[in-house]
Amino acid sequence: DPDLVSLPPVHSGDVGLGNPYRVTCESI
């Protein structure tokens, strides 16, 4: 995620955002 489109977080405490971006849900 070189352009950091996953930031800023929607909620305080969100994890797995930024470069690299991580899919954190159990079921993709």
mmCIF file of all heavy atoms, coordinates in Angstrom:
data_MODEL
# 
_entry.id   MODEL 
# 
loop_
_atom_site.group_PDB 
_atom_site.id 
_atom_site.type_symbol 
_atom_site.label_atom_id 
_atom_site.label_alt_id 
_atom_site.label_comp_id 
_atom_site.label_asym_id 
_atom_site.label_entity_id 
_atom_site.label_seq_id 
_atom_site.pdbx_PDB_ins_code 
_atom_site.Cartn_x 
_atom_site.Cartn_y 
_atom_site.Cartn_z 
_atom_site.occupancy 
_atom_site.B_iso_or_equiv 
_atom_site.pdbx_formal_charge 
_atom_site.auth_seq_id 
_atom_site.auth_comp_id 
_atom_site.auth_asym_id 
_atom_site.auth_atom_id 
_atom_site.pdbx_PDB_model_num 
ATOM 1   N N   . ASP A 1 1  ? 0.862   -1.187  0.000  1.00 0.00 ? 1  ASP A N   1 
ATOM 2   C CA  . ASP A 1 1  ? 0.000   0.000   0.000  1.00 0.00 ? 1  ASP A CA  1 
ATOM 3   C C   . ASP A 1 1  ? 0.895   1.232   0.000  1.00 0.00 ? 1  ASP A C   1 
ATOM 4   O O   . ASP A 1 1  ? 0.916   2.016   0.950  1.00 0.00 ? 1  ASP A O   1 
ATOM 5   C CB  . ASP A 1 1  ? -0.911  -0.027  1.235  1.00 0.00 ? 1  ASP A CB  1 
ATOM 6   C CG  . ASP A 1 1  ? -1.854  1.166   1.312  1.00 0.00 ? 1  ASP A CG  1 
ATOM 7   O OD1 . ASP A 1 1  ? -1.997  1.875   0.290  1.00 0.00 ? 1  ASP A OD1 1 
ATOM 8   O OD2 . ASP A 1 1  ? -2.433  1.405   2.394  1.00 0.00 ? 1  ASP A OD2 1 
ATOM 9   N N   . PRO A 1 2  ? 1.661   1.425   -1.086 1.00 0.00 ? 2  PRO A N   1 
ATOM 10  C CA  . PRO A 1 2  ? 2.634   2.531   -1.094 1.00 0.00 ? 2  PRO A CA  1 
ATOM 11  C C   . PRO A 1 2  ? 1.988   3.904   -1.009 1.00 0.00 ? 2  PRO A C   1 
ATOM 12  O O   . PRO A 1 2  ? 2.621   4.855   -0.547 1.00 0.00 ? 2  PRO A O   1 
ATOM 13  C CB  . PRO A 1 2  ? 3.364   2.341   -2.433 1.00 0.00 ? 2  PRO A CB  1 
ATOM 14  C CG  . PRO A 1 2  ? 2.409   1.565   -3.283 1.00 0.00 ? 2  PRO A CG  1 
ATOM 15  C CD  . PRO A 1 2  ? 1.690   0.653   -2.337 1.00 0.00 ? 2  PRO A CD  1 
ATOM 16  N N   . ASP A 1 3  ? 0.721   4.023   -1.426 1.00 0.00 ? 3  ASP A N   1 
ATOM 17  C CA  . ASP A 1 3  ? 0.040   5.309   -1.366 1.00 0.00 ? 3  ASP A CA  1 
ATOM 18  C C   . ASP A 1 3  ? -0.750  5.489   -0.074 1.00 0.00 ? 3  ASP A C   1 
ATOM 19  O O   . ASP A 1 3  ? -1.436  6.504   0.109  1.00 0.00 ? 3  ASP A O   1 
ATOM 20  C CB  . ASP A 1 3  ? -0.899  5.464   -2.566 1.00 0.00 ? 3  ASP A CB  1 
ATOM 21  C CG  . ASP A 1 3  ? -0.145  5.465   -3.879 1.00 0.00 ? 3  ASP A CG  1 
ATOM 22  O OD1 . ASP A 1 3  ? 0.882   6.153   -3.964 1.00 0.00 ? 3  ASP A OD1 1 
ATOM 23  O OD2 . ASP A 1 3  ? -0.578  4.761   -4.809 1.00 0.00 ? 3  ASP A OD2 1 
ATOM 24  N N   . LEU A 1 4  ? -0.691  4.494   0.810  1.00 0.00 ? 4  LEU A N   1 
ATOM 25  C CA  . LEU A 1 4  ? -1.344  4.534   2.126  1.00 0.00 ? 4  LEU A CA  1 
ATOM 26  C C   . LEU A 1 4  ? -2.844  4.827   2.010  1.00 0.00 ? 4  LEU A C   1 
ATOM 27  O O   . LEU A 1 4  ? -3.408  5.593   2.805  1.00 0.00 ? 4  LEU A O   1 
ATOM 28  C CB  . LEU A 1 4  ? -0.661  5.564   3.030  1.00 0.00 ? 4  LEU A CB  1 
ATOM 29  C CG  . LEU A 1 4  ? 0.837   5.328   3.301  1.00 0.00 ? 4  LEU A CG  1 
ATOM 30  C CD1 . LEU A 1 4  ? 1.385   6.423   4.197  1.00 0.00 ? 4  LEU A CD1 1 
ATOM 31  C CD2 . LEU A 1 4  ? 1.074   3.953   3.908  1.00 0.00 ? 4  LEU A CD2 1 
ATOM 32  N N   . VAL A 1 5  ? -3.479  4.184   1.039  1.00 0.00 ? 5  VAL A N   1 
ATOM 33  C CA  . VAL A 1 5  ? -4.914  4.405   0.869  1.00 0.00 ? 5  VAL A CA  1 
ATOM 34  C C   . VAL A 1 5  ? -5.727  3.771   2.001  1.00 0.00 ? 5  VAL A C   1 
ATOM 35  O O   . VAL A 1 5  ? -6.890  4.123   2.205  1.00 0.00 ? 5  VAL A O   1 
ATOM 36  C CB  . VAL A 1 5  ? -5.407  3.877   -0.500 1.00 0.00 ? 5  VAL A CB  1 
ATOM 37  C CG1 . VAL A 1 5  ? -4.680  4.560   -1.631 1.00 0.00 ? 5  VAL A CG1 1 
ATOM 38  C CG2 . VAL A 1 5  ? -5.272  2.365   -0.604 1.00 0.00 ? 5  VAL A CG2 1 
ATOM 39  N N   . SER A 1 6  ? -5.117  2.853   2.762  1.00 0.00 ? 6  SER A N   1 
ATOM 40  C CA  . SER A 1 6  ? -5.827  2.224   3.884  1.00 0.00 ? 6  SER A CA  1 
ATOM 41  C C   . SER A 1 6  ? -5.844  3.099   5.131  1.00 0.00 ? 6  SER A C   1 
ATOM 42  O O   . SER A 1 6  ? -6.512  2.758   6.119  1.00 0.00 ? 6  SER A O   1 
ATOM 43  C CB  . SER A 1 6  ? -5.201  0.868   4.219  1.00 0.00 ? 6  SER A CB  1 
ATOM 44  O OG  . SER A 1 6  ? -3.857  1.007   4.642  1.00 0.00 ? 6  SER A OG  1 
ATOM 45  N N   . LEU A 1 7  ? -5.124  4.204   5.102  1.00 0.00 ? 7  LEU A N   1 
ATOM 46  C CA  . LEU A 1 7  ? -5.082  5.130   6.232  1.00 0.00 ? 7  LEU A CA  1 
ATOM 47  C C   . LEU A 1 7  ? -5.864  6.396   5.914  1.00 0.00 ? 7  LEU A C   1 
ATOM 48  O O   . LEU A 1 7  ? -6.048  6.739   4.742  1.00 0.00 ? 7  LEU A O   1 
ATOM 49  C CB  . LEU A 1 7  ? -3.623  5.470   6.567  1.00 0.00 ? 7  LEU A CB  1 
ATOM 50  C CG  . LEU A 1 7  ? -2.779  4.306   7.085  1.00 0.00 ? 7  LEU A CG  1 
ATOM 51  C CD1 . LEU A 1 7  ? -1.320  4.739   7.225  1.00 0.00 ? 7  LEU A CD1 1 
ATOM 52  C CD2 . LEU A 1 7  ? -3.315  3.802   8.414  1.00 0.00 ? 7  LEU A CD2 1 
ATOM 53  N N   . PRO A 1 8  ? -6.353  7.132   6.910  1.00 0.00 ? 8  PRO A N   1 
ATOM 54  C CA  . PRO A 1 8  ? -6.249  6.860   8.345  1.00 0.00 ? 8  PRO A CA  1 
ATOM 55  C C   . PRO A 1 8  ? -7.205  5.746   8.757  1.00 0.00 ? 8  PRO A C   1 
ATOM 56  O O   . PRO A 1 8  ? -8.124  5.397   8.012  1.00 0.00 ? 8  PRO A O   1 
ATOM 57  C CB  . PRO A 1 8  ? -6.648  8.199   8.965  1.00 0.00 ? 8  PRO A CB  1 
ATOM 58  C CG  . PRO A 1 8  ? -7.620  8.767   7.985  1.00 0.00 ? 8  PRO A CG  1 
ATOM 59  C CD  . PRO A 1 8  ? -7.097  8.385   6.635  1.00 0.00 ? 8  PRO A CD  1 
ATOM 60  N N   . PRO A 1 9  ? -7.045  5.204   9.956  1.00 0.00 ? 9  PRO A N   1 
ATOM 61  C CA  . PRO A 1 9  ? -7.959  4.163   10.430 1.00 0.00 ? 9  PRO A CA  1 
ATOM 62  C C   . PRO A 1 9  ? -9.370  4.707   10.600 1.00 0.00 ? 9  PRO A C   1 
ATOM 63  O O   . PRO A 1 9  ? -9.561  5.884   10.916 1.00 0.00 ? 9  PRO A O   1 
ATOM 64  C CB  . PRO A 1 9  ? -7.357  3.741   11.770 1.00 0.00 ? 9  PRO A CB  1 
ATOM 65  C CG  . PRO A 1 9  ? -6.501  4.889   12.188 1.00 0.00 ? 9  PRO A CG  1 
ATOM 66  C CD  . PRO A 1 9  ? -5.995  5.511   10.935 1.00 0.00 ? 9  PRO A CD  1 
ATOM 67  N N   . VAL A 1 10 ? -10.360 3.852   10.404 1.00 0.00 ? 10 VAL A N   1 
ATOM 68  C CA  . VAL A 1 10 ? -11.749 4.243   10.636 1.00 0.00 ? 10 VAL A CA  1 
ATOM 69  C C   . VAL A 1 10 ? -12.025 4.368   12.127 1.00 0.00 ? 10 VAL A C   1 
ATOM 70  O O   . VAL A 1 10 ? -12.741 5.257   12.572 1.00 0.00 ? 10 VAL A O   1 
ATOM 71  C CB  . VAL A 1 10 ? -12.705 3.216   9.990  1.00 0.00 ? 10 VAL A CB  1 
ATOM 72  C CG1 . VAL A 1 10 ? -14.162 3.552   10.313 1.00 0.00 ? 10 VAL A CG1 1 
ATOM 73  C CG2 . VAL A 1 10 ? -12.496 3.179   8.481  1.00 0.00 ? 10 VAL A CG2 1 
ATOM 74  N N   . HIS A 1 11 ? -11.413 3.464   12.926 1.00 0.00 ? 11 HIS A N   1 
ATOM 75  C CA  . HIS A 1 11 ? -11.608 3.460   14.372 1.00 0.00 ? 11 HIS A CA  1 
ATOM 76  C C   . HIS A 1 11 ? -10.254 3.468   15.072 1.00 0.00 ? 11 HIS A C   1 
ATOM 77  O O   . HIS A 1 11 ? -9.294  2.844   14.595 1.00 0.00 ? 11 HIS A O   1 
ATOM 78  C CB  . HIS A 1 11 ? -12.383 2.217   14.825 1.00 0.00 ? 11 HIS A CB  1 
ATOM 79  C CG  . HIS A 1 11 ? -13.661 1.983   14.079 1.00 0.00 ? 11 HIS A CG  1 
ATOM 80  N ND1 . HIS A 1 11 ? -14.769 2.777   14.237 1.00 0.00 ? 11 HIS A ND1 1 
ATOM 81  C CD2 . HIS A 1 11 ? -13.998 1.024   13.166 1.00 0.00 ? 11 HIS A CD2 1 
ATOM 82  C CE1 . HIS A 1 11 ? -15.745 2.320   13.464 1.00 0.00 ? 11 HIS A CE1 1 
ATOM 83  N NE2 . HIS A 1 11 ? -15.302 1.267   12.806 1.00 0.00 ? 11 HIS A NE2 1 
ATOM 84  N N   . SER A 1 12 ? -10.185 4.116   16.194 1.00 0.00 ? 12 SER A N   1 
ATOM 85  C CA  . SER A 1 12 ? -8.976  4.065   17.002 1.00 0.00 ? 12 SER A CA  1 
ATOM 86  C C   . SER A 1 12 ? -8.723  2.620   17.438 1.00 0.00 ? 12 SER A C   1 
ATOM 87  O O   . SER A 1 12 ? -9.627  1.933   17.905 1.00 0.00 ? 12 SER A O   1 
ATOM 88  C CB  . SER A 1 12 ? -9.136  4.950   18.242 1.00 0.00 ? 12 SER A CB  1 
ATOM 89  O OG  . SER A 1 12 ? -8.018  4.842   19.087 1.00 0.00 ? 12 SER A OG  1 
ATOM 90  N N   . GLY A 1 13 ? -7.507  2.156   17.240 1.00 0.00 ? 13 GLY A N   1 
ATOM 91  C CA  . GLY A 1 13 ? -7.161  0.789   17.608 1.00 0.00 ? 13 GLY A CA  1 
ATOM 92  C C   . GLY A 1 13 ? -7.192  -0.187  16.458 1.00 0.00 ? 13 GLY A C   1 
ATOM 93  O O   . GLY A 1 13 ? -6.880  -1.375  16.640 1.00 0.00 ? 13 GLY A O   1 
ATOM 94  N N   . ASP A 1 14 ? -7.557  0.267   15.250 1.00 0.00 ? 14 ASP A N   1 
ATOM 95  C CA  . ASP A 1 14 ? -7.537  -0.617  14.080 1.00 0.00 ? 14 ASP A CA  1 
ATOM 96  C C   . ASP A 1 14 ? -6.112  -1.086  13.811 1.00 0.00 ? 14 ASP A C   1 
ATOM 97  O O   . ASP A 1 14 ? -5.148  -0.317  13.933 1.00 0.00 ? 14 ASP A O   1 
ATOM 98  C CB  . ASP A 1 14 ? -8.069  0.114   12.846 1.00 0.00 ? 14 ASP A CB  1 
ATOM 99  C CG  . ASP A 1 14 ? -9.583  0.275   12.858 1.00 0.00 ? 14 ASP A CG  1 
ATOM 100 O OD1 . ASP A 1 14 ? -10.230 -0.254  13.787 1.00 0.00 ? 14 ASP A OD1 1 
ATOM 101 O OD2 . ASP A 1 14 ? -10.115 0.926   11.931 1.00 0.00 ? 14 ASP A OD2 1 
ATOM 102 N N   . VAL A 1 15 ? -5.984  -2.352  13.425 1.00 0.00 ? 15 VAL A N   1 
ATOM 103 C CA  . VAL A 1 15 ? -4.665  -2.937  13.154 1.00 0.00 ? 15 VAL A CA  1 
ATOM 104 C C   . VAL A 1 15 ? -4.585  -3.368  11.689 1.00 0.00 ? 15 VAL A C   1 
ATOM 105 O O   . VAL A 1 15 ? -5.594  -3.475  10.994 1.00 0.00 ? 15 VAL A O   1 
ATOM 106 C CB  . VAL A 1 15 ? -4.390  -4.142  14.069 1.00 0.00 ? 15 VAL A CB  1 
ATOM 107 C CG1 . VAL A 1 15 ? -4.416  -3.721  15.534 1.00 0.00 ? 15 VAL A CG1 1 
ATOM 108 C CG2 . VAL A 1 15 ? -5.386  -5.279  13.824 1.00 0.00 ? 15 VAL A CG2 1 
ATOM 109 N N   . GLY A 1 16 ? -3.353  -3.600  11.238 1.00 0.00 ? 16 GLY A N   1 
ATOM 110 C CA  . GLY A 1 16 ? -3.145  -4.153  9.908  1.00 0.00 ? 16 GLY A CA  1 
ATOM 111 C C   . GLY A 1 16 ? -3.277  -3.158  8.782  1.00 0.00 ? 16 GLY A C   1 
ATOM 112 O O   . GLY A 1 16 ? -3.413  -3.553  7.625  1.00 0.00 ? 16 GLY A O   1 
ATOM 113 N N   . LEU A 1 17 ? -3.237  -1.855  9.084  1.00 0.00 ? 17 LEU A N   1 
ATOM 114 C CA  . LEU A 1 17 ? -3.360  -0.826  8.061  1.00 0.00 ? 17 LEU A CA  1 
ATOM 115 C C   . LEU A 1 17 ? -1.993  -0.240  7.719  1.00 0.00 ? 17 LEU A C   1 
ATOM 116 O O   . LEU A 1 17 ? -1.016  -0.435  8.441  1.00 0.00 ? 17 LEU A O   1 
ATOM 117 C CB  . LEU A 1 17 ? -4.302  0.280   8.542  1.00 0.00 ? 17 LEU A CB  1 
ATOM 118 C CG  . LEU A 1 17 ? -5.710  -0.169  8.947  1.00 0.00 ? 17 LEU A CG  1 
ATOM 119 C CD1 . LEU A 1 17 ? -6.510  1.011   9.470  1.00 0.00 ? 17 LEU A CD1 1 
ATOM 120 C CD2 . LEU A 1 17 ? -6.422  -0.841  7.784  1.00 0.00 ? 17 LEU A CD2 1 
ATOM 121 N N   . GLY A 1 18 ? -1.923  0.498   6.622  1.00 0.00 ? 18 GLY A N   1 
ATOM 122 C CA  . GLY A 1 18 ? -0.654  1.070   6.192  1.00 0.00 ? 18 GLY A CA  1 
ATOM 123 C C   . GLY A 1 18 ? 0.040   0.161   5.201  1.00 0.00 ? 18 GLY A C   1 
ATOM 124 O O   . GLY A 1 18 ? -0.574  -0.698  4.573  1.00 0.00 ? 18 GLY A O   1 
ATOM 125 N N   . ASN A 1 19 ? 1.344   0.363   5.044  1.00 0.00 ? 19 ASN A N   1 
ATOM 126 C CA  . ASN A 1 19 ? 2.120   -0.395  4.065  1.00 0.00 ? 19 ASN A CA  1 
ATOM 127 C C   . ASN A 1 19 ? 3.040   -1.395  4.760  1.00 0.00 ? 19 ASN A C   1 
ATOM 128 O O   . ASN A 1 19 ? 3.974   -0.993  5.457  1.00 0.00 ? 19 ASN A O   1 
ATOM 129 C CB  . ASN A 1 19 ? 2.960   0.568   3.225  1.00 0.00 ? 19 ASN A CB  1 
ATOM 130 C CG  . ASN A 1 19 ? 3.615   -0.109  2.046  1.00 0.00 ? 19 ASN A CG  1 
ATOM 131 O OD1 . ASN A 1 19 ? 3.238   -1.212  1.662  1.00 0.00 ? 19 ASN A OD1 1 
ATOM 132 N ND2 . ASN A 1 19 ? 4.606   0.556   1.467  1.00 0.00 ? 19 ASN A ND2 1 
ATOM 133 N N   . PRO A 1 20 ? 2.742   -2.725  4.658  1.00 0.00 ? 20 PRO A N   1 
ATOM 134 C CA  . PRO A 1 20 ? 1.699   -3.329  3.843  1.00 0.00 ? 20 PRO A CA  1 
ATOM 135 C C   . PRO A 1 20 ? 0.345   -3.362  4.561  1.00 0.00 ? 20 PRO A C   1 
ATOM 136 O O   . PRO A 1 20 ? 0.291   -3.302  5.786  1.00 0.00 ? 20 PRO A O   1 
ATOM 137 C CB  . PRO A 1 20 ? 2.214   -4.745  3.615  1.00 0.00 ? 20 PRO A CB  1 
ATOM 138 C CG  . PRO A 1 20 ? 2.975   -5.057  4.873  1.00 0.00 ? 20 PRO A CG  1 
ATOM 139 C CD  . PRO A 1 20 ? 3.624   -3.750  5.270  1.00 0.00 ? 20 PRO A CD  1 
ATOM 140 N N   . TYR A 1 21 ? -0.697  -3.483  3.754  1.00 0.00 ? 21 TYR A N   1 
ATOM 141 C CA  . TYR A 1 21 ? -2.056  -3.636  4.261  1.00 0.00 ? 21 TYR A CA  1 
ATOM 142 C C   . TYR A 1 21 ? -2.338  -5.122  4.465  1.00 0.00 ? 21 TYR A C   1 
ATOM 143 O O   . TYR A 1 21 ? -1.945  -5.958  3.654  1.00 0.00 ? 21 TYR A O   1 
ATOM 144 C CB  . TYR A 1 21 ? -3.039  -3.043  3.257  1.00 0.00 ? 21 TYR A CB  1 
ATOM 145 C CG  . TYR A 1 21 ? -4.479  -3.414  3.497  1.00 0.00 ? 21 TYR A CG  1 
ATOM 146 C CD1 . TYR A 1 21 ? -5.264  -2.680  4.362  1.00 0.00 ? 21 TYR A CD1 1 
ATOM 147 C CD2 . TYR A 1 21 ? -5.053  -4.490  2.827  1.00 0.00 ? 21 TYR A CD2 1 
ATOM 148 C CE1 . TYR A 1 21 ? -6.600  -3.009  4.579  1.00 0.00 ? 21 TYR A CE1 1 
ATOM 149 C CE2 . TYR A 1 21 ? -6.381  -4.826  3.023  1.00 0.00 ? 21 TYR A CE2 1 
ATOM 150 C CZ  . TYR A 1 21 ? -7.150  -4.087  3.906  1.00 0.00 ? 21 TYR A CZ  1 
ATOM 151 O OH  . TYR A 1 21 ? -8.460  -4.428  4.101  1.00 0.00 ? 21 TYR A OH  1 
ATOM 152 N N   . ARG A 1 22 ? -3.024  -5.437  5.562  1.00 0.00 ? 22 ARG A N   1 
ATOM 153 C CA  . ARG A 1 22 ? -3.332  -6.833  5.870  1.00 0.00 ? 22 ARG A CA  1 
ATOM 154 C C   . ARG A 1 22 ? -4.844  -7.039  5.922  1.00 0.00 ? 22 ARG A C   1 
ATOM 155 O O   . ARG A 1 22 ? -5.554  -6.254  6.562  1.00 0.00 ? 22 ARG A O   1 
ATOM 156 C CB  . ARG A 1 22 ? -2.714  -7.232  7.210  1.00 0.00 ? 22 ARG A CB  1 
ATOM 157 C CG  . ARG A 1 22 ? -3.059  -8.658  7.652  1.00 0.00 ? 22 ARG A CG  1 
ATOM 158 C CD  . ARG A 1 22 ? -2.518  -8.975  9.044  1.00 0.00 ? 22 ARG A CD  1 
ATOM 159 N NE  . ARG A 1 22 ? -1.070  -9.053  9.057  1.00 0.00 ? 22 ARG A NE  1 
ATOM 160 C CZ  . ARG A 1 22 ? -0.368  -9.529  10.092 1.00 0.00 ? 22 ARG A CZ  1 
ATOM 161 N NH1 . ARG A 1 22 ? -0.989  -9.943  11.185 1.00 0.00 ? 22 ARG A NH1 1 
ATOM 162 N NH2 . ARG A 1 22 ? 0.941   -9.568  10.035 1.00 0.00 ? 22 ARG A NH2 1 
ATOM 163 N N   . VAL A 1 23 ? -5.332  -8.078  5.249  1.00 0.00 ? 23 VAL A N   1 
ATOM 164 C CA  . VAL A 1 23 ? -6.726  -8.500  5.391  1.00 0.00 ? 23 VAL A CA  1 
ATOM 165 C C   . VAL A 1 23 ? -6.842  -9.242  6.721  1.00 0.00 ? 23 VAL A C   1 
ATOM 166 O O   . VAL A 1 23 ? -6.271  -10.322 6.890  1.00 0.00 ? 23 VAL A O   1 
ATOM 167 C CB  . VAL A 1 23 ? -7.166  -9.402  4.222  1.00 0.00 ? 23 VAL A CB  1 
ATOM 168 C CG1 . VAL A 1 23 ? -8.544  -9.983  4.490  1.00 0.00 ? 23 VAL A CG1 1 
ATOM 169 C CG2 . VAL A 1 23 ? -7.157  -8.621  2.918  1.00 0.00 ? 23 VAL A CG2 1 
ATOM 170 N N   . THR A 1 24 ? -7.559  -8.655  7.672  1.00 0.00 ? 24 THR A N   1 
ATOM 171 C CA  . THR A 1 24 ? -7.592  -9.191  9.027  1.00 0.00 ? 24 THR A CA  1 
ATOM 172 C C   . THR A 1 24 ? -8.881  -9.915  9.381  1.00 0.00 ? 24 THR A C   1 
ATOM 173 O O   . THR A 1 24 ? -8.972  -10.528 10.439 1.00 0.00 ? 24 THR A O   1 
ATOM 174 C CB  . THR A 1 24 ? -7.383  -8.066  10.060 1.00 0.00 ? 24 THR A CB  1 
ATOM 175 O OG1 . THR A 1 24 ? -8.377  -7.063  9.843  1.00 0.00 ? 24 THR A OG1 1 
ATOM 176 C CG2 . THR A 1 24 ? -5.993  -7.462  9.931  1.00 0.00 ? 24 THR A CG2 1 
ATOM 177 N N   . CYS A 1 25 ? -9.907  -9.820  8.523  1.00 0.00 ? 25 CYS A N   1 
ATOM 178 C CA  . CYS A 1 25 ? -11.143 -10.544 8.840  1.00 0.00 ? 25 CYS A CA  1 
ATOM 179 C C   . CYS A 1 25 ? -10.878 -12.045 8.765  1.00 0.00 ? 25 CYS A C   1 
ATOM 180 O O   . CYS A 1 25 ? -9.995  -12.503 8.031  1.00 0.00 ? 25 CYS A O   1 
ATOM 181 C CB  . CYS A 1 25 ? -12.259 -10.158 7.870  1.00 0.00 ? 25 CYS A CB  1 
ATOM 182 S SG  . CYS A 1 25 ? -11.944 -10.598 6.157  1.00 0.00 ? 25 CYS A SG  1 
ATOM 183 N N   . GLU A 1 26 ? -11.636 -12.801 9.534  1.00 0.00 ? 26 GLU A N   1 
ATOM 184 C CA  . GLU A 1 26 ? -11.449 -14.258 9.516  1.00 0.00 ? 26 GLU A CA  1 
ATOM 185 C C   . GLU A 1 26 ? -11.731 -14.835 8.135  1.00 0.00 ? 26 GLU A C   1 
ATOM 186 O O   . GLU A 1 26 ? -11.000 -15.700 7.657  1.00 0.00 ? 26 GLU A O   1 
ATOM 187 C CB  . GLU A 1 26 ? -12.375 -14.915 10.536 1.00 0.00 ? 26 GLU A CB  1 
ATOM 188 C CG  . GLU A 1 26 ? -12.282 -16.434 10.550 1.00 0.00 ? 26 GLU A CG  1 
ATOM 189 C CD  . GLU A 1 26 ? -13.260 -17.061 11.513 1.00 0.00 ? 26 GLU A CD  1 
ATOM 190 O OE1 . GLU A 1 26 ? -14.078 -16.331 12.100 1.00 0.00 ? 26 GLU A OE1 1 
ATOM 191 O OE2 . GLU A 1 26 ? -13.210 -18.292 11.675 1.00 0.00 ? 26 GLU A OE2 1 
ATOM 192 N N   . SER A 1 27 ? -12.790 -14.321 7.481  1.00 0.00 ? 27 SER A N   1 
ATOM 193 C CA  . SER A 1 27 ? -13.269 -14.941 6.247  1.00 0.00 ? 27 SER A CA  1 
ATOM 194 C C   . SER A 1 27 ? -13.246 -13.957 5.090  1.00 0.00 ? 27 SER A C   1 
ATOM 195 O O   . SER A 1 27 ? -14.187 -13.200 4.898  1.00 0.00 ? 27 SER A O   1 
ATOM 196 C CB  . SER A 1 27 ? -14.693 -15.471 6.447  1.00 0.00 ? 27 SER A CB  1 
ATOM 197 O OG  . SER A 1 27 ? -14.740 -16.393 7.522  1.00 0.00 ? 27 SER A OG  1 
ATOM 198 N N   . ILE A 1 28 ? -12.148 -13.964 4.318  1.00 0.00 ? 28 ILE A N   1 
ATOM 199 C CA  . ILE A 1 28 ? -12.110 -13.214 3.072  1.00 0.00 ? 28 ILE A CA  1 
ATOM 200 C C   . ILE A 1 28 ? -12.765 -14.120 2.030  1.00 0.00 ? 28 ILE A C   1 
ATOM 201 O O   . ILE A 1 28 ? -12.208 -15.129 1.625  1.00 0.00 ? 28 ILE A O   1 
ATOM 202 C CB  . ILE A 1 28 ? -10.677 -12.798 2.694  1.00 0.00 ? 28 ILE A CB  1 
ATOM 203 C CG1 . ILE A 1 28 ? -10.640 -12.105 1.332  1.00 0.00 ? 28 ILE A CG1 1 
ATOM 204 C CG2 . ILE A 1 28 ? -9.676  -13.936 2.798  1.00 0.00 ? 28 ILE A CG2 1 
ATOM 205 C CD1 . ILE A 1 28 ? -11.221 -10.730 1.327  1.00 0.00 ? 28 ILE A CD1 1 
# 
